[in-house]
């Protein structure tokens, strides 16, 4: 057998090869192959077997995993990748208990990011996005969802989406684009949100024609968009051929979780205050709950999404950073894995499903990403960890030793000395 790359002497291999999304109690069932080897040819997984069997493979390059953990590349299912500026000055205000509405009055909050994004050039936004993608890659992420939503006008939303499209061409990570024009109500439409939604939905034909986004998302929340407004907007998006997502039930339980299931959204995201009825409908649907515990953690909230109850009732759950400049400023999905164990009470087995196969399914990449399967893309990470239980036990650091994307080494941590 010939191979371009052979990874051998793997202590534990997690193939994550169940058909996704993996729901309910099956999320706690994890296949672990010990003493494994994986060969890669022409950017795809060519063979999976034992170290002994690998002795007959002739490879152009061999990597000795030295008994470490090997998994699929992580899948990041919810990010606000493209934005201008930063908001570090707000942290001290929040710590002093200054209400968010007061921060908005002072020119901060989401409107500060909107202003910075409107003012930033296309080139500056692209370079910033590529920087954050590099950070994600170094932390073992190989597929990323990226939303617009900091333009809140036609020109800037299109600029953000074009930045995402350019990043797809310039960066080795796979990127999935989502149009989140309905992220907030800009001041100029504060008394007429319906007209703003019309402005955003009028962009659907151009976005579709120029292939600028695969998904349409909306923020269904008190003070933003109602359930009825969100339903009409998402159904219109589906008429144009988009799949849909929903920012749902983050602050107030308006019924966004139920709406996600009703309209057949590929995912309902946040779900921090999902009701029992919402969880029941989520579990009965094919919609995936994308849980963002980093947001609750960063904002110092006591309320976390009831992910434990969701899984126990049969739902499919994924995890994400919600990387954004205001409420979850991290590219480290590994940290989110630890928070999920400590605050959501998820098992390591459930967590690994939530950042691989289920996260891939939540962005329409269930047949491509999040698994080590013969014939699929060779997106593989060698972790500086002895076993899968080491996540999330050792928290707050980067365990990625070698990140392989499409069969080629993308990142390798070097020794300090």
Protein backbone atom coordinates (compact mmCIF):
# COMPACT_ATOMS: atom_id res chain seq x y z
CA UNK A 1 0.00 0.00 0.00
CA UNK A 2 1.12 3.51 -0.84
CA UNK A 3 0.22 6.61 1.15
CA UNK A 4 1.08 10.27 1.16
CA UNK A 5 0.96 10.43 4.95
CA UNK A 6 0.83 7.75 7.64
CA UNK A 7 -0.07 8.54 11.24
CA UNK A 8 1.00 5.63 13.39
CA UNK A 9 1.40 4.70 17.05
CA UNK A 10 -1.91 6.36 17.95
CA UNK A 11 -2.82 5.76 21.58
CA UNK A 12 -6.53 6.40 21.10
CA UNK A 13 -8.32 7.15 17.84
CA UNK A 14 -11.82 8.62 17.89
CA UNK A 15 -13.25 8.02 14.40
CA UNK A 16 -16.58 9.72 15.29
CA UNK A 17 -18.07 7.77 12.41
CA UNK A 18 -21.74 7.64 13.39
CA UNK A 19 -24.19 9.11 10.93
CA UNK A 20 -25.04 12.53 12.30
CA UNK A 21 -26.64 14.15 13.98
CA UNK A 22 -26.17 11.86 16.97
CA UNK A 23 -29.10 12.27 19.35
CA UNK A 24 -29.90 11.63 22.98
CA UNK A 25 -28.25 8.74 24.78
CA UNK A 26 -26.27 7.78 21.68
CA UNK A 27 -24.16 10.87 22.30
CA UNK A 28 -22.73 9.03 25.31
CA UNK A 29 -21.63 6.04 23.21
CA UNK A 30 -18.13 6.60 21.87
CA UNK A 31 -16.04 4.24 19.75
CA UNK A 32 -12.40 4.28 20.79
CA UNK A 33 -9.73 2.44 18.75
CA UNK A 34 -6.50 1.83 20.63
CA UNK A 35 -3.15 1.17 19.02
CA UNK A 36 -4.36 2.59 15.72
CA UNK A 37 -2.88 3.94 12.51
CA UNK A 38 -4.38 6.07 9.74
CA UNK A 39 -3.12 6.53 6.19
CA UNK A 40 -3.94 9.50 3.98
CA UNK A 41 -3.81 9.70 0.21
CA UNK A 42 -4.66 12.63 -2.06
CA UNK A 43 -6.08 14.60 0.83
CA UNK A 44 -8.49 11.89 1.98
CA UNK A 45 -8.55 9.17 4.60
CA UNK A 46 -7.39 6.07 2.73
CA UNK A 47 -7.15 3.43 5.45
CA UNK A 48 -7.75 2.90 9.17
CA UNK A 49 -6.27 -0.04 11.04
CA UNK A 50 -3.84 -1.19 13.70
CA UNK A 51 -0.22 -0.22 14.16
CA UNK A 52 0.81 -3.78 13.23
CA UNK A 53 -1.14 -3.71 9.99
CA UNK A 54 0.42 -0.38 9.08
CA UNK A 55 3.84 -1.98 8.66
CA UNK A 56 3.03 -2.82 5.03
CA UNK A 57 2.27 0.81 4.13
CA UNK A 58 4.89 2.81 2.30
CA UNK A 59 4.32 6.49 2.99
CA UNK A 60 5.99 9.63 1.74
CA UNK A 61 5.69 11.03 5.25
CA UNK A 62 5.17 9.28 8.57
CA UNK A 63 4.09 10.92 11.82
CA UNK A 64 4.61 9.03 15.07
CA UNK A 65 1.71 10.02 17.33
CA UNK A 66 3.69 8.66 20.31
CA UNK A 67 0.66 7.15 21.98
CA UNK A 68 -1.35 10.37 21.92
CA UNK A 69 -5.02 11.02 21.17
CA UNK A 70 -6.08 11.50 17.56
CA UNK A 71 -9.49 12.84 16.52
CA UNK A 72 -11.19 14.56 13.60
CA UNK A 73 -10.59 18.27 13.30
CA UNK A 74 -12.99 20.23 15.49
CA UNK A 75 -15.98 21.89 13.85
CA UNK A 76 -16.90 25.41 14.92
CA UNK A 77 -20.63 25.79 14.27
CA UNK A 78 -21.37 29.39 15.33
CA UNK A 79 -19.07 32.39 14.96
CA UNK A 80 -19.37 36.08 14.19
CA UNK A 81 -16.07 36.03 12.37
CA UNK A 82 -16.12 39.31 10.45
CA UNK A 83 -16.23 42.52 12.48
CA UNK A 84 -14.38 45.76 12.93
CA UNK A 85 -12.71 46.98 16.08
CA UNK A 86 -12.89 45.51 19.57
CA UNK A 87 -14.70 46.34 22.80
CA UNK A 88 -12.25 45.72 25.64
CA UNK A 89 -13.16 49.02 27.31
CA UNK A 90 -16.64 47.66 28.06
CA UNK A 91 -15.33 44.92 30.32
CA UNK A 92 -14.61 47.29 33.20
CA UNK A 93 -18.03 48.89 32.79
CA UNK A 94 -19.71 45.49 33.02
CA UNK A 95 -17.67 44.64 36.10
CA UNK A 96 -18.88 47.83 37.76
CA UNK A 97 -22.45 46.79 37.06
CA UNK A 98 -23.18 49.34 34.33
CA UNK A 99 -26.32 48.08 32.54
CA UNK A 100 -26.00 47.11 28.89
CA UNK A 101 -28.52 49.77 27.85
CA UNK A 102 -26.35 52.40 29.49
CA UNK A 103 -23.31 51.04 27.65
CA UNK A 104 -25.31 51.40 24.44
CA UNK A 105 -26.10 55.03 25.31
CA UNK A 106 -22.37 55.64 25.77
CA UNK A 107 -21.75 54.39 22.25
CA UNK A 108 -20.78 50.86 23.21
CA UNK A 109 -22.39 47.48 22.80
CA UNK A 110 -23.28 45.96 19.47
CA UNK A 111 -23.74 49.39 17.90
CA UNK A 112 -20.06 50.15 18.54
CA UNK A 113 -19.14 47.08 16.52
CA UNK A 114 -21.64 48.04 13.84
CA UNK A 115 -20.02 51.47 13.55
CA UNK A 116 -16.51 49.99 13.42
CA UNK A 117 -17.55 47.42 10.83
CA UNK A 118 -19.23 50.01 8.64
CA UNK A 119 -16.09 52.17 8.80
CA UNK A 120 -13.59 49.36 8.21
CA UNK A 121 -12.38 48.67 4.69
CA UNK A 122 -12.95 45.35 2.98
CA UNK A 123 -9.21 44.68 3.10
CA UNK A 124 -8.95 45.43 6.82
CA UNK A 125 -11.91 43.19 7.65
CA UNK A 126 -10.41 40.39 5.56
CA UNK A 127 -7.02 40.55 7.26
CA UNK A 128 -8.70 40.56 10.67
CA UNK A 129 -10.83 37.55 9.75
CA UNK A 130 -7.78 35.65 8.50
CA UNK A 131 -6.02 36.38 11.79
CA UNK A 132 -8.88 34.88 13.80
CA UNK A 133 -9.05 31.88 11.46
CA UNK A 134 -5.36 31.25 12.10
CA UNK A 135 -6.06 31.23 15.83
CA UNK A 136 -8.89 28.75 15.35
CA UNK A 137 -6.71 26.48 13.22
CA UNK A 138 -4.00 26.47 15.87
CA UNK A 139 -6.60 25.25 18.36
CA UNK A 140 -7.58 22.24 16.24
CA UNK A 141 -10.55 23.68 14.33
CA UNK A 142 -10.70 22.70 10.67
CA UNK A 143 -14.24 23.80 9.67
CA UNK A 144 -15.85 27.10 10.65
CA UNK A 145 -19.26 28.74 10.28
CA UNK A 146 -19.05 32.53 9.81
CA UNK A 147 -21.94 34.99 10.15
CA UNK A 148 -22.45 38.54 9.00
CA UNK A 149 -24.61 40.75 11.22
CA UNK A 150 -22.48 43.74 12.18
CA UNK A 151 -23.47 45.84 9.21
CA UNK A 152 -27.21 46.25 9.71
CA UNK A 153 -27.39 47.95 6.35
CA UNK A 154 -27.33 46.46 2.88
CA UNK A 155 -23.89 47.75 1.91
CA UNK A 156 -22.03 46.54 4.99
CA UNK A 157 -23.80 43.22 5.26
CA UNK A 158 -22.81 42.46 1.67
CA UNK A 159 -19.27 43.63 2.47
CA UNK A 160 -19.08 41.17 5.36
CA UNK A 161 -20.38 38.31 3.24
CA UNK A 162 -17.87 39.10 0.50
CA UNK A 163 -15.11 39.05 3.11
CA UNK A 164 -16.23 35.58 4.16
CA UNK A 165 -16.21 34.43 0.55
CA UNK A 166 -12.69 35.80 0.07
CA UNK A 167 -11.56 34.08 3.25
CA UNK A 168 -12.83 30.79 1.83
CA UNK A 169 -10.41 31.25 -1.07
CA UNK A 170 -7.45 32.52 0.94
CA UNK A 171 -7.55 30.37 4.07
CA UNK A 172 -7.12 26.57 4.23
CA UNK A 173 -9.96 26.07 6.72
CA UNK A 174 -13.37 25.20 5.31
CA UNK A 175 -15.76 28.08 5.94
CA UNK A 176 -19.56 28.03 5.83
CA UNK A 177 -21.29 31.39 5.36
CA UNK A 178 -24.45 32.58 7.14
CA UNK A 179 -26.36 35.81 6.49
CA UNK A 180 -27.36 37.35 9.84
CA UNK A 181 -28.54 40.73 8.64
CA UNK A 182 -31.39 40.46 11.16
CA UNK A 183 -28.98 40.52 14.11
CA UNK A 184 -30.32 43.69 15.74
CA UNK A 185 -32.46 46.71 14.91
CA UNK A 186 -30.31 49.68 13.87
CA UNK A 187 -31.17 53.07 15.38
CA UNK A 188 -32.55 54.37 12.10
CA UNK A 189 -35.21 51.61 12.17
CA UNK A 190 -35.86 51.42 15.91
CA UNK A 191 -39.54 52.35 15.41
CA UNK A 192 -40.02 50.30 12.26
CA UNK A 193 -38.40 46.85 12.49
CA UNK A 194 -40.67 45.48 9.76
CA UNK A 195 -39.17 47.87 7.22
CA UNK A 196 -35.68 46.85 8.32
CA UNK A 197 -36.52 43.18 7.81
CA UNK A 198 -37.76 44.08 4.33
CA UNK A 199 -34.43 45.76 3.58
CA UNK A 200 -32.60 42.64 4.70
CA UNK A 201 -34.87 40.17 2.89
CA UNK A 202 -34.53 42.25 -0.28
CA UNK A 203 -30.90 41.10 -0.27
CA UNK A 204 -31.86 37.42 -0.58
CA UNK A 205 -31.83 37.33 -4.39
CA UNK A 206 -28.38 38.93 -4.66
CA UNK A 207 -26.92 36.79 -1.88
CA UNK A 208 -28.22 33.67 -3.58
CA UNK A 209 -27.13 34.75 -7.07
CA UNK A 210 -23.60 35.56 -5.90
CA UNK A 211 -23.39 32.52 -3.63
CA UNK A 212 -22.53 34.68 -0.64
CA UNK A 213 -24.29 32.61 2.02
CA UNK A 214 -25.72 29.17 2.53
CA UNK A 215 -27.82 29.94 5.61
CA UNK A 216 -30.04 32.77 6.82
CA UNK A 217 -30.20 33.48 10.56
CA UNK A 218 -32.22 35.85 12.77
CA UNK A 219 -32.07 36.96 16.40
CA UNK A 220 -35.44 36.15 17.96
CA UNK A 221 -35.45 37.96 21.28
CA UNK A 222 -37.13 40.65 23.37
CA UNK A 223 -36.25 44.03 21.92
CA UNK A 224 -35.07 42.49 18.67
CA UNK A 225 -37.41 40.37 16.52
CA UNK A 226 -40.58 38.60 17.58
CA UNK A 227 -41.44 34.99 16.90
CA UNK A 228 -43.98 36.06 14.25
CA UNK A 229 -41.51 38.37 12.53
CA UNK A 230 -38.86 35.67 12.62
CA UNK A 231 -41.22 33.06 11.19
CA UNK A 232 -42.15 35.22 8.20
CA UNK A 233 -38.53 36.19 7.56
CA UNK A 234 -37.19 32.64 7.72
CA UNK A 235 -39.96 31.20 5.58
CA UNK A 236 -39.19 33.84 2.98
CA UNK A 237 -35.53 32.85 3.12
CA UNK A 238 -36.49 29.25 2.52
CA UNK A 239 -38.49 30.32 -0.56
CA UNK A 240 -35.21 31.60 -2.00
CA UNK A 241 -33.53 28.28 -1.32
CA UNK A 242 -31.67 29.06 1.89
CA UNK A 243 -31.47 26.75 4.86
CA UNK A 244 -32.18 28.61 8.09
CA UNK A 245 -30.90 29.03 11.61
CA UNK A 246 -32.22 30.91 14.64
CA UNK A 247 -30.64 32.76 17.56
CA UNK A 248 -33.31 31.59 19.98
CA UNK A 249 -34.28 31.81 23.66
CA UNK A 250 -31.04 33.40 24.80
CA UNK A 251 -32.47 35.85 27.33
CA UNK A 252 -36.26 35.45 27.42
CA UNK A 253 -38.20 32.24 26.64
CA UNK A 254 -40.19 33.59 23.71
CA UNK A 255 -40.61 30.25 21.96
CA UNK A 256 -37.67 30.49 19.59
CA UNK A 257 -36.75 26.87 20.24
CA UNK A 258 -40.22 25.78 19.16
CA UNK A 259 -39.98 28.02 16.10
CA UNK A 260 -36.67 26.44 15.11
CA UNK A 261 -38.33 23.03 15.12
CA UNK A 262 -41.47 24.33 13.40
CA UNK A 263 -39.71 25.85 10.39
CA UNK A 264 -37.21 23.00 10.07
CA UNK A 265 -34.18 25.10 10.98
CA UNK A 266 -30.94 23.16 10.74
CA UNK A 267 -30.08 24.57 14.17
CA UNK A 268 -31.46 26.60 17.03
CA UNK A 269 -28.61 28.43 18.74
CA UNK A 270 -28.13 29.65 22.33
CA UNK A 271 -31.30 28.11 23.88
CA UNK A 272 -30.18 29.25 27.35
CA UNK A 273 -33.77 29.59 28.58
CA UNK A 274 -35.48 26.99 26.40
CA UNK A 275 -38.69 25.78 28.00
CA UNK A 276 -39.71 22.18 28.62
CA UNK A 277 -42.06 22.40 25.64
CA UNK A 278 -39.28 23.80 23.51
CA UNK A 279 -36.95 20.98 24.51
CA UNK A 280 -39.67 18.44 23.76
CA UNK A 281 -40.18 19.83 20.27
CA UNK A 282 -36.45 20.10 19.67
CA UNK A 283 -35.97 16.45 20.59
CA UNK A 284 -38.79 15.39 18.25
CA UNK A 285 -37.28 17.30 15.33
CA UNK A 286 -34.13 17.10 13.23
CA UNK A 287 -33.05 20.55 14.43
CA UNK A 288 -29.76 20.59 16.34
CA UNK A 289 -29.37 22.65 19.49
CA UNK A 290 -26.13 24.62 19.22
CA UNK A 291 -25.19 25.52 22.77
CA UNK A 292 -22.91 28.49 23.50
CA UNK A 293 -21.83 28.25 27.16
CA UNK A 294 -18.92 30.64 26.63
CA UNK A 295 -21.43 33.48 26.37
CA UNK A 296 -22.97 32.77 29.78
CA UNK A 297 -19.48 32.31 31.23
CA UNK A 298 -18.07 35.53 29.79
CA UNK A 299 -21.07 37.62 30.81
CA UNK A 300 -20.98 36.20 34.34
CA UNK A 301 -24.45 34.73 34.15
CA UNK A 302 -25.74 31.96 36.38
CA UNK A 303 -28.07 30.61 33.70
CA UNK A 304 -26.69 28.08 31.22
CA UNK A 305 -28.60 26.25 28.52
CA UNK A 306 -30.31 23.07 29.78
CA UNK A 307 -28.18 20.88 27.53
CA UNK A 308 -28.28 18.01 30.00
CA UNK A 309 -32.08 17.94 29.82
CA UNK A 310 -32.00 18.26 26.02
CA UNK A 311 -29.79 15.22 25.60
CA UNK A 312 -31.66 13.21 28.21
CA UNK A 313 -34.89 13.85 26.30
CA UNK A 314 -33.37 12.77 23.00
CA UNK A 315 -32.17 15.95 21.29
CA UNK A 316 -28.97 16.41 19.28
CA UNK A 317 -26.63 18.99 20.79
CA UNK A 318 -23.56 20.76 19.41
CA UNK A 319 -21.16 23.15 21.13
CA UNK A 320 -19.60 26.37 19.85
CA UNK A 321 -17.60 29.35 21.07
CA UNK A 322 -20.03 31.99 19.69
CA UNK A 323 -16.81 33.89 18.91
CA UNK A 324 -17.73 37.58 18.79
CA UNK A 325 -16.35 40.89 20.11
CA UNK A 326 -18.96 41.51 22.78
CA UNK A 327 -20.07 38.42 24.66
CA UNK A 328 -17.65 35.56 23.93
CA UNK A 329 -14.21 36.72 22.92
CA UNK A 330 -12.40 33.43 22.32
CA UNK A 331 -11.34 31.27 19.41
CA UNK A 332 -10.62 28.36 21.75
CA UNK A 333 -13.28 25.67 21.35
CA UNK A 334 -11.29 23.46 23.72
CA UNK A 335 -12.11 25.90 26.54
CA UNK A 336 -15.80 25.61 25.67
CA UNK A 337 -15.48 21.83 26.01
CA UNK A 338 -14.34 22.32 29.61
CA UNK A 339 -17.11 24.80 30.37
CA UNK A 340 -19.62 22.29 28.95
CA UNK A 341 -18.44 19.69 31.43
CA UNK A 342 -18.31 22.02 34.42
CA UNK A 343 -21.47 24.06 33.81
CA UNK A 344 -23.65 21.96 31.49
CA UNK A 345 -22.73 18.63 33.15
CA UNK A 346 -22.03 16.91 29.85
CA UNK A 347 -19.87 13.80 29.74
CA UNK A 348 -16.62 13.72 27.73
CA UNK A 349 -18.30 11.37 25.27
CA UNK A 350 -21.18 13.79 24.71
CA UNK A 351 -18.78 16.70 24.38
CA UNK A 352 -16.72 14.99 21.65
CA UNK A 353 -19.88 14.35 19.63
CA UNK A 354 -20.91 17.97 20.16
CA UNK A 355 -17.72 19.44 18.65
CA UNK A 356 -17.33 17.01 15.75
CA UNK A 357 -20.14 15.11 14.05
CA UNK A 358 -23.02 17.11 15.54
CA UNK A 359 -21.35 20.45 14.95
CA UNK A 360 -20.71 19.41 11.34
CA UNK A 361 -24.35 18.43 10.94
CA UNK A 362 -25.42 21.80 12.36
CA UNK A 363 -23.77 23.59 9.43
CA UNK A 364 -24.66 21.16 6.67
CA UNK A 365 -21.30 19.39 6.61
CA UNK A 366 -22.26 16.08 8.17
CA UNK A 367 -21.01 14.14 5.14
CA UNK A 368 -17.67 15.94 4.98
CA UNK A 369 -16.38 17.09 8.36
CA UNK A 370 -16.25 15.91 11.94
CA UNK A 371 -15.36 12.25 11.24
CA UNK A 372 -12.38 10.10 10.33
CA UNK A 373 -13.88 7.84 7.70
CA UNK A 374 -12.28 6.23 4.67
CA UNK A 375 -12.91 8.36 1.60
CA UNK A 376 -13.60 11.59 3.49
CA UNK A 377 -11.41 14.66 3.82
CA UNK A 378 -8.39 14.05 5.98
CA UNK A 379 -9.00 16.66 8.68
CA UNK A 380 -7.18 15.21 11.67
CA UNK A 381 -5.71 16.50 14.93
CA UNK A 382 -3.00 14.88 17.03
CA UNK A 383 -3.49 16.14 20.57
CA UNK A 384 -0.88 16.40 23.28
CA UNK A 385 -3.19 14.38 25.50
CA UNK A 386 -3.07 10.71 26.53
CA UNK A 387 -6.77 9.97 26.06
CA UNK A 388 -10.12 11.57 25.27
CA UNK A 389 -10.97 11.92 28.97
CA UNK A 390 -8.14 14.42 29.28
CA UNK A 391 -10.57 16.80 27.64
CA UNK A 392 -12.09 18.65 29.49
CA UNK A 393 -10.06 17.82 32.61
CA UNK A 394 -7.05 19.99 31.74
CA UNK A 395 -8.69 23.30 30.89
CA UNK A 396 -7.73 26.68 29.51
CA UNK A 397 -4.75 25.61 27.39
CA UNK A 398 -4.19 24.54 23.80
CA UNK A 399 -3.73 20.77 23.51
CA UNK A 400 -3.33 20.74 19.72
CA UNK A 401 0.05 19.28 18.74
CA UNK A 402 -0.42 18.71 15.01
CA UNK A 403 -3.33 19.89 12.87
CA UNK A 404 -3.79 18.22 9.48
CA UNK A 405 -6.13 19.78 6.94
CA UNK A 406 -6.97 18.00 3.68
CA UNK A 407 -4.11 15.61 4.30
CA UNK A 408 -1.40 18.24 4.81
CA UNK A 409 0.13 19.45 8.05
CA UNK A 410 -1.35 22.90 8.64
CA UNK A 411 -0.01 23.59 12.13
CA UNK A 412 2.53 21.94 14.38
CA UNK A 413 3.42 23.26 17.80
CA UNK A 414 7.13 23.63 18.27
CA UNK A 415 9.07 23.06 21.45
CA UNK A 416 10.04 26.19 23.34
CA UNK A 417 13.59 24.92 23.82
